[in-house]
Structures are given as structure tokens and as C-alpha cells.
Amino acid sequence: MKKKVVIKIGELTKKHNISLRELSRLSDVRHAALSELSNGKRESISFSHIERIAEALNISDIREIIELVEEE
């Protein structure tokens, strides 16, 4: 089976009870980029974005941000 990397922006905003705009402000990642990631319309994410999101939300385990899943 094929694997797929999933960026869990929607889960993060719900867990931390913040909006995409607030996450954008805290992480200094463009709102449009976060929105595309959240909606599955963006195929890539930069390491610097992952680092900034992790720092903004005080995340120490990258698995809270990204996940590798089996594609159907």
C-alpha cells in the first residue's frame, strides 16, 4: 500500500482551541498556507513551518503535527 503524509492543522487548532488566523499570527506562517494544509490542498510543508508551528504551540513531538498514514 501507498503511504501519505498528513499535516494535522485542523486537529491542532481544535486541540489548542485557536483559529487558523491565530495560529498564523503565533507561528508567523501565512494564513493561506495553513488553510491549504488544513484542507489537503497543499502537497508540501517546509521544515521551518513545522518548527514555527511547534514553537508557537509548545509542541515537542513532531507526530502531533504530521502523520504517515496508509492511502486507500
PDB file of N, CA and C in Angstrom:
ATOM      1  N   MET A   1       0.834  -1.208   0.000  1.00  0.00           N
ATOM      2  CA  MET A   1       0.000   0.000   0.000  1.00  0.00           C
ATOM      3  C   MET A   1       0.869   1.259   0.000  1.00  0.00           C
ATOM      4  N   LYS A   2       0.308   2.287  -0.550  1.00  0.00           N
ATOM      5  CA  LYS A   2       0.991   3.569  -0.645  1.00  0.00           C
ATOM      6  C   LYS A   2       0.819   4.356   0.660  1.00  0.00           C
ATOM      7  N   LYS A   3       1.865   5.063   1.052  1.00  0.00           N
ATOM      8  CA  LYS A   3       1.825   5.891   2.261  1.00  0.00           C
ATOM      9  C   LYS A   3       1.599   7.355   1.892  1.00  0.00           C
ATOM     10  N   LYS A   4       1.026   8.093   2.817  1.00  0.00           N
ATOM     11  CA  LYS A   4       0.759   9.514   2.604  1.00  0.00           C
ATOM     12  C   LYS A   4       1.069  10.270   3.889  1.00  0.00           C
ATOM     13  N   VAL A   5       1.702  11.426   3.763  1.00  0.00           N
ATOM     14  CA  VAL A   5       1.979  12.289   4.911  1.00  0.00           C
ATOM     15  C   VAL A   5       0.783  13.226   5.097  1.00  0.00           C
ATOM     16  N   VAL A   6       0.272  13.273   6.312  1.00  0.00           N
ATOM     17  CA  VAL A   6      -0.867  14.131   6.643  1.00  0.00           C
ATOM     18  C   VAL A   6      -0.409  15.202   7.625  1.00  0.00           C
ATOM     19  N   ILE A   7      -0.736  16.447   7.327  1.00  0.00           N
ATOM     20  CA  ILE A   7      -0.437  17.563   8.216  1.00  0.00           C
ATOM     21  C   ILE A   7      -1.699  17.837   9.021  1.00  0.00           C
ATOM     22  N   LYS A   8      -1.597  17.754  10.346  1.00  0.00           N
ATOM     23  CA  LYS A   8      -2.781  17.775  11.211  1.00  0.00           C
ATOM     24  C   LYS A   8      -3.115  19.175  11.740  1.00  0.00           C
ATOM     25  N   ILE A   9      -3.235  20.129  10.838  1.00  0.00           N
ATOM     26  CA  ILE A   9      -3.521  21.513  11.228  1.00  0.00           C
ATOM     27  C   ILE A   9      -4.897  21.623  11.885  1.00  0.00           C
ATOM     28  N   GLY A  10      -5.892  20.988  11.307  1.00  0.00           N
ATOM     29  CA  GLY A  10      -7.251  21.045  11.876  1.00  0.00           C
ATOM     30  C   GLY A  10      -7.295  20.494  13.286  1.00  0.00           C
ATOM     31  N   GLU A  11      -6.642  19.373  13.511  1.00  0.00           N
ATOM     32  CA  GLU A  11      -6.593  18.782  14.850  1.00  0.00           C
ATOM     33  C   GLU A  11      -5.885  19.706  15.834  1.00  0.00           C
ATOM     34  N   LEU A  12      -4.798  20.325  15.376  1.00  0.00           N
ATOM     35  CA  LEU A  12      -4.037  21.215  16.252  1.00  0.00           C
ATOM     36  C   LEU A  12      -4.850  22.426  16.681  1.00  0.00           C
ATOM     37  N   THR A  13      -5.576  23.025  15.724  1.00  0.00           N
ATOM     38  CA  THR A  13      -6.359  24.211  16.079  1.00  0.00           C
ATOM     39  C   THR A  13      -7.492  23.848  17.046  1.00  0.00           C
ATOM     40  N   LYS A  14      -8.099  22.686  16.850  1.00  0.00           N
ATOM     41  CA  LYS A  14      -9.152  22.247  17.777  1.00  0.00           C
ATOM     42  C   LYS A  14      -8.575  21.948  19.154  1.00  0.00           C
ATOM     43  N   LYS A  15      -7.479  21.209  19.183  1.00  0.00           N
ATOM     44  CA  LYS A  15      -6.857  20.820  20.461  1.00  0.00           C
ATOM     45  C   LYS A  15      -6.431  22.040  21.270  1.00  0.00           C
ATOM     46  N   HIS A  16      -5.894  23.050  20.593  1.00  0.00           N
ATOM     47  CA  HIS A  16      -5.403  24.245  21.281  1.00  0.00           C
ATOM     48  C   HIS A  16      -6.446  25.359  21.323  1.00  0.00           C
ATOM     49  N   ASN A  17      -7.642  25.056  20.798  1.00  0.00           N
ATOM     50  CA  ASN A  17      -8.763  25.987  20.833  1.00  0.00           C
ATOM     51  C   ASN A  17      -8.406  27.366  20.255  1.00  0.00           C
ATOM     52  N   ILE A  18      -7.805  27.327  19.056  1.00  0.00           N
ATOM     53  CA  ILE A  18      -7.455  28.568  18.375  1.00  0.00           C
ATOM     54  C   ILE A  18      -7.904  28.482  16.915  1.00  0.00           C
ATOM     55  N   SER A  19      -7.993  29.614  16.280  1.00  0.00           N
ATOM     56  CA  SER A  19      -8.366  29.676  14.866  1.00  0.00           C
ATOM     57  C   SER A  19      -7.109  29.567  14.005  1.00  0.00           C
ATOM     58  N   LEU A  20      -7.328  29.354  12.706  1.00  0.00           N
ATOM     59  CA  LEU A  20      -6.194  29.352  11.777  1.00  0.00           C
ATOM     60  C   LEU A  20      -5.502  30.713  11.776  1.00  0.00           C
ATOM     61  N   ARG A  21      -6.279  31.770  11.875  1.00  0.00           N
ATOM     62  CA  ARG A  21      -5.691  33.119  11.913  1.00  0.00           C
ATOM     63  C   ARG A  21      -4.786  33.285  13.131  1.00  0.00           C
ATOM     64  N   GLU A  22      -5.237  32.783  14.260  1.00  0.00           N
ATOM     65  CA  GLU A  22      -4.430  32.889  15.482  1.00  0.00           C
ATOM     66  C   GLU A  22      -3.160  32.049  15.350  1.00  0.00           C
ATOM     67  N   LEU A  23      -3.282  30.834  14.794  1.00  0.00           N
ATOM     68  CA  LEU A  23      -2.101  30.006  14.578  1.00  0.00           C
ATOM     69  C   LEU A  23      -1.143  30.703  13.616  1.00  0.00           C
ATOM     70  N   SER A  24      -1.676  31.345  12.595  1.00  0.00           N
ATOM     71  CA  SER A  24      -0.855  32.088  11.645  1.00  0.00           C
ATOM     72  C   SER A  24      -0.099  33.209  12.353  1.00  0.00           C
ATOM     73  N   ARG A  25      -0.794  33.935  13.200  1.00  0.00           N
ATOM     74  CA  ARG A  25      -0.170  35.038  13.937  1.00  0.00           C
ATOM     75  C   ARG A  25       0.914  34.525  14.880  1.00  0.00           C
ATOM     76  N   LEU A  26       0.615  33.451  15.625  1.00  0.00           N
ATOM     77  CA  LEU A  26       1.559  32.913  16.592  1.00  0.00           C
ATOM     78  C   LEU A  26       2.796  32.295  15.943  1.00  0.00           C
ATOM     79  N   SER A  27       2.591  31.655  14.796  1.00  0.00           N
ATOM     80  CA  SER A  27       3.679  30.904  14.164  1.00  0.00           C
ATOM     81  C   SER A  27       4.390  31.678  13.057  1.00  0.00           C
ATOM     82  N   ASP A  28       3.805  32.789  12.629  1.00  0.00           N
ATOM     83  CA  ASP A  28       4.336  33.563  11.512  1.00  0.00           C
ATOM     84  C   ASP A  28       4.384  32.731  10.231  1.00  0.00           C
ATOM     85  N   VAL A  29       3.355  31.889  10.055  1.00  0.00           N
ATOM     86  CA  VAL A  29       3.152  31.130   8.819  1.00  0.00           C
ATOM     87  C   VAL A  29       1.901  31.727   8.169  1.00  0.00           C
ATOM     88  N   ARG A  30       1.982  31.991   6.872  1.00  0.00           N
ATOM     89  CA  ARG A  30       0.857  32.634   6.179  1.00  0.00           C
ATOM     90  C   ARG A  30      -0.454  31.875   6.403  1.00  0.00           C
ATOM     91  N   HIS A  31      -1.529  32.617   6.624  1.00  0.00           N
ATOM     92  CA  HIS A  31      -2.851  32.030   6.825  1.00  0.00           C
ATOM     93  C   HIS A  31      -3.237  31.166   5.628  1.00  0.00           C
ATOM     94  N   ALA A  32      -2.949  31.639   4.416  1.00  0.00           N
ATOM     95  CA  ALA A  32      -3.297  30.884   3.210  1.00  0.00           C
ATOM     96  C   ALA A  32      -2.602  29.527   3.194  1.00  0.00           C
ATOM     97  N   ALA A  33      -1.343  29.487   3.597  1.00  0.00           N
ATOM     98  CA  ALA A  33      -0.595  28.225   3.624  1.00  0.00           C
ATOM     99  C   ALA A  33      -1.211  27.268   4.646  1.00  0.00           C
ATOM    100  N   LEU A  34      -1.553  27.776   5.822  1.00  0.00           N
ATOM    101  CA  LEU A  34      -2.178  26.936   6.845  1.00  0.00           C
ATOM    102  C   LEU A  34      -3.537  26.431   6.375  1.00  0.00           C
ATOM    103  N   SER A  35      -4.287  27.282   5.717  1.00  0.00           N
ATOM    104  CA  SER A  35      -5.602  26.897   5.209  1.00  0.00           C
ATOM    105  C   SER A  35      -5.477  25.792   4.162  1.00  0.00           C
ATOM    106  N   GLU A  36      -4.525  25.932   3.243  1.00  0.00           N
ATOM    107  CA  GLU A  36      -4.308  24.911   2.222  1.00  0.00           C
ATOM    108  C   GLU A  36      -3.883  23.587   2.856  1.00  0.00           C
ATOM    109  N   LEU A  37      -3.025  23.647   3.862  1.00  0.00           N
ATOM    110  CA  LEU A  37      -2.595  22.433   4.566  1.00  0.00           C
ATOM    111  C   LEU A  37      -3.774  21.785   5.273  1.00  0.00           C
ATOM    112  N   SER A  38      -4.587  22.607   5.900  1.00  0.00           N
ATOM    113  CA  SER A  38      -5.742  22.110   6.638  1.00  0.00           C
ATOM    114  C   SER A  38      -6.752  21.430   5.724  1.00  0.00           C
ATOM    115  N   ASN A  39      -6.901  21.964   4.511  1.00  0.00           N
ATOM    116  CA  ASN A  39      -7.879  21.434   3.551  1.00  0.00           C
ATOM    117  C   ASN A  39      -7.301  20.368   2.635  1.00  0.00           C
ATOM    118  N   GLY A  40      -6.042  20.014   2.830  1.00  0.00           N
ATOM    119  CA  GLY A  40      -5.418  18.994   1.994  1.00  0.00           C
ATOM    120  C   GLY A  40      -5.127  19.449   0.578  1.00  0.00           C
ATOM    121  N   LYS A  41      -5.090  20.754   0.360  1.00  0.00           N
ATOM    122  CA  LYS A  41      -4.853  21.283  -0.980  1.00  0.00           C
ATOM    123  C   LYS A  41      -3.390  21.605  -1.235  1.00  0.00           C
ATOM    124  N   ARG A  42      -2.553  21.431  -0.227  1.00  0.00           N
ATOM    125  CA  ARG A  42      -1.126  21.701  -0.372  1.00  0.00           C
ATOM    126  C   ARG A  42      -0.381  20.395  -0.189  1.00  0.00           C
ATOM    127  N   GLU A  43       0.553  20.126  -1.075  1.00  0.00           N
ATOM    128  CA  GLU A  43       1.277  18.859  -1.084  1.00  0.00           C
ATOM    129  C   GLU A  43       2.549  18.869  -0.235  1.00  0.00           C
ATOM    130  N   SER A  44       3.016  20.051   0.182  1.00  0.00           N
ATOM    131  CA  SER A  44       4.277  20.101   0.912  1.00  0.00           C
ATOM    132  C   SER A  44       4.221  21.115   2.051  1.00  0.00           C
ATOM    133  N   ILE A  45       5.136  20.923   2.991  1.00  0.00           N
ATOM    134  CA  ILE A  45       5.303  21.860   4.092  1.00  0.00           C
ATOM    135  C   ILE A  45       6.797  21.972   4.343  1.00  0.00           C
ATOM    136  N   SER A  46       7.258  23.164   4.626  1.00  0.00           N
ATOM    137  CA  SER A  46       8.692  23.345   4.858  1.00  0.00           C
ATOM    138  C   SER A  46       9.033  23.016   6.313  1.00  0.00           C
ATOM    139  N   PHE A  47      10.267  22.629   6.518  1.00  0.00           N
ATOM    140  CA  PHE A  47      10.727  22.336   7.880  1.00  0.00           C
ATOM    141  C   PHE A  47      10.588  23.571   8.767  1.00  0.00           C
ATOM    142  N   SER A  48      10.834  24.744   8.206  1.00  0.00           N
ATOM    143  CA  SER A  48      10.736  25.957   9.027  1.00  0.00           C
ATOM    144  C   SER A  48       9.299  26.186   9.487  1.00  0.00           C
ATOM    145  N   HIS A  49       8.314  25.840   8.653  1.00  0.00           N
ATOM    146  CA  HIS A  49       6.913  25.969   9.069  1.00  0.00           C
ATOM    147  C   HIS A  49       6.607  24.999  10.210  1.00  0.00           C
ATOM    148  N   ILE A  50       7.085  23.770  10.087  1.00  0.00           N
ATOM    149  CA  ILE A  50       6.877  22.782  11.159  1.00  0.00           C
ATOM    150  C   ILE A  50       7.499  23.292  12.456  1.00  0.00           C
ATOM    151  N   GLU A  51       8.714  23.807  12.360  1.00  0.00           N
ATOM    152  CA  GLU A  51       9.405  24.323  13.548  1.00  0.00           C
ATOM    153  C   GLU A  51       8.650  25.483  14.174  1.00  0.00           C
ATOM    154  N   ARG A  52       8.159  26.401  13.337  1.00  0.00           N
ATOM    155  CA  ARG A  52       7.444  27.573  13.870  1.00  0.00           C
ATOM    156  C   ARG A  52       6.105  27.193  14.495  1.00  0.00           C
ATOM    157  N   ILE A  53       5.404  26.235  13.881  1.00  0.00           N
ATOM    158  CA  ILE A  53       4.138  25.758  14.453  1.00  0.00           C
ATOM    159  C   ILE A  53       4.408  25.073  15.787  1.00  0.00           C
ATOM    160  N   ALA A  54       5.431  24.239  15.827  1.00  0.00           N
ATOM    161  CA  ALA A  54       5.791  23.531  17.063  1.00  0.00           C
ATOM    162  C   ALA A  54       6.140  24.520  18.166  1.00  0.00           C
ATOM    163  N   GLU A  55       6.909  25.527  17.828  1.00  0.00           N
ATOM    164  CA  GLU A  55       7.295  26.526  18.818  1.00  0.00           C
ATOM    165  C   GLU A  55       6.086  27.324  19.306  1.00  0.00           C
ATOM    166  N   ALA A  56       5.232  27.722  18.384  1.00  0.00           N
ATOM    167  CA  ALA A  56       4.053  28.528  18.732  1.00  0.00           C
ATOM    168  C   ALA A  56       3.109  27.781  19.664  1.00  0.00           C
ATOM    169  N   LEU A  57       2.995  26.453  19.470  1.00  0.00           N
ATOM    170  CA  LEU A  57       2.047  25.656  20.264  1.00  0.00           C
ATOM    171  C   LEU A  57       2.735  24.836  21.353  1.00  0.00           C
ATOM    172  N   ASN A  58       4.030  25.088  21.546  1.00  0.00           N
ATOM    173  CA  ASN A  58       4.803  24.388  22.572  1.00  0.00           C
ATOM    174  C   ASN A  58       4.729  22.865  22.385  1.00  0.00           C
ATOM    175  N   ILE A  59       4.965  22.426  21.159  1.00  0.00           N
ATOM    176  CA  ILE A  59       4.920  21.002  20.799  1.00  0.00           C
ATOM    177  C   ILE A  59       6.343  20.473  20.740  1.00  0.00           C
ATOM    178  N   SER A  60       6.580  19.343  21.401  1.00  0.00           N
ATOM    179  CA  SER A  60       7.920  18.756  21.381  1.00  0.00           C
ATOM    180  C   SER A  60       7.996  17.476  20.561  1.00  0.00           C
ATOM    181  N   ASP A  61       6.852  16.941  20.151  1.00  0.00           N
ATOM    182  CA  ASP A  61       6.817  15.707  19.368  1.00  0.00           C
ATOM    183  C   ASP A  61       6.225  16.010  17.995  1.00  0.00           C
ATOM    184  N   ILE A  62       7.040  15.857  16.963  1.00  0.00           N
ATOM    185  CA  ILE A  62       6.612  16.192  15.596  1.00  0.00           C
ATOM    186  C   ILE A  62       5.377  15.398  15.168  1.00  0.00           C
ATOM    187  N   ARG A  63       5.142  14.250  15.793  1.00  0.00           N
ATOM    188  CA  ARG A  63       3.980  13.433  15.427  1.00  0.00           C
ATOM    189  C   ARG A  63       2.658  14.109  15.767  1.00  0.00           C
ATOM    190  N   GLU A  64       2.705  15.153  16.576  1.00  0.00           N
ATOM    191  CA  GLU A  64       1.484  15.921  16.836  1.00  0.00           C
ATOM    192  C   GLU A  64       1.117  16.794  15.633  1.00  0.00           C
ATOM    193  N   ILE A  65       2.102  17.043  14.765  1.00  0.00           N
ATOM    194  CA  ILE A  65       1.899  17.926  13.614  1.00  0.00           C
ATOM    195  C   ILE A  65       1.725  17.124  12.321  1.00  0.00           C
ATOM    196  N   ILE A  66       2.556  16.109  12.132  1.00  0.00           N
ATOM    197  CA  ILE A  66       2.490  15.311  10.908  1.00  0.00           C
ATOM    198  C   ILE A  66       2.319  13.837  11.239  1.00  0.00           C
ATOM    199  N   GLU A  67       1.727  13.115  10.300  1.00  0.00           N
ATOM    200  CA  GLU A  67       1.478  11.686  10.490  1.00  0.00           C
ATOM    201  C   GLU A  67       1.636  10.980   9.146  1.00  0.00           C
ATOM    202  N   LEU A  68       2.127   9.765   9.192  1.00  0.00           N
ATOM    203  CA  LEU A  68       2.254   8.936   7.999  1.00  0.00           C
ATOM    204  C   LEU A  68       1.156   7.882   8.042  1.00  0.00           C
ATOM    205  N   VAL A  69       0.270   7.909   7.037  1.00  0.00           N
ATOM    206  CA  VAL A  69      -0.878   7.003   7.028  1.00  0.00           C
ATOM    207  C   VAL A  69      -0.913   6.204   5.726  1.00  0.00           C
ATOM    208  N   GLU A  70      -1.619   5.096   5.766  1.00  0.00           N
ATOM    209  CA  GLU A  70      -1.843   4.281   4.569  1.00  0.00           C
ATOM    210  C   GLU A  70      -2.888   4.969   3.703  1.00  0.00           C
ATOM    211  N   GLU A  71      -2.604   5.092   2.415  1.00  0.00           N
ATOM    212  CA  GLU A  71      -3.557   5.683   1.490  1.00  0.00           C
ATOM    213  C   GLU A  71      -4.526   4.600   1.038  1.00  0.00           C
ATOM    214  N   GLU A  72      -5.768   4.963   0.825  1.00  0.00           N
ATOM    215  CA  GLU A  72      -6.765   3.985   0.416  1.00  0.00           C
ATOM    216  C   GLU A  72      -6.872   3.853  -1.073  1.00  0.00           C
TER     217      GLU A  72
END
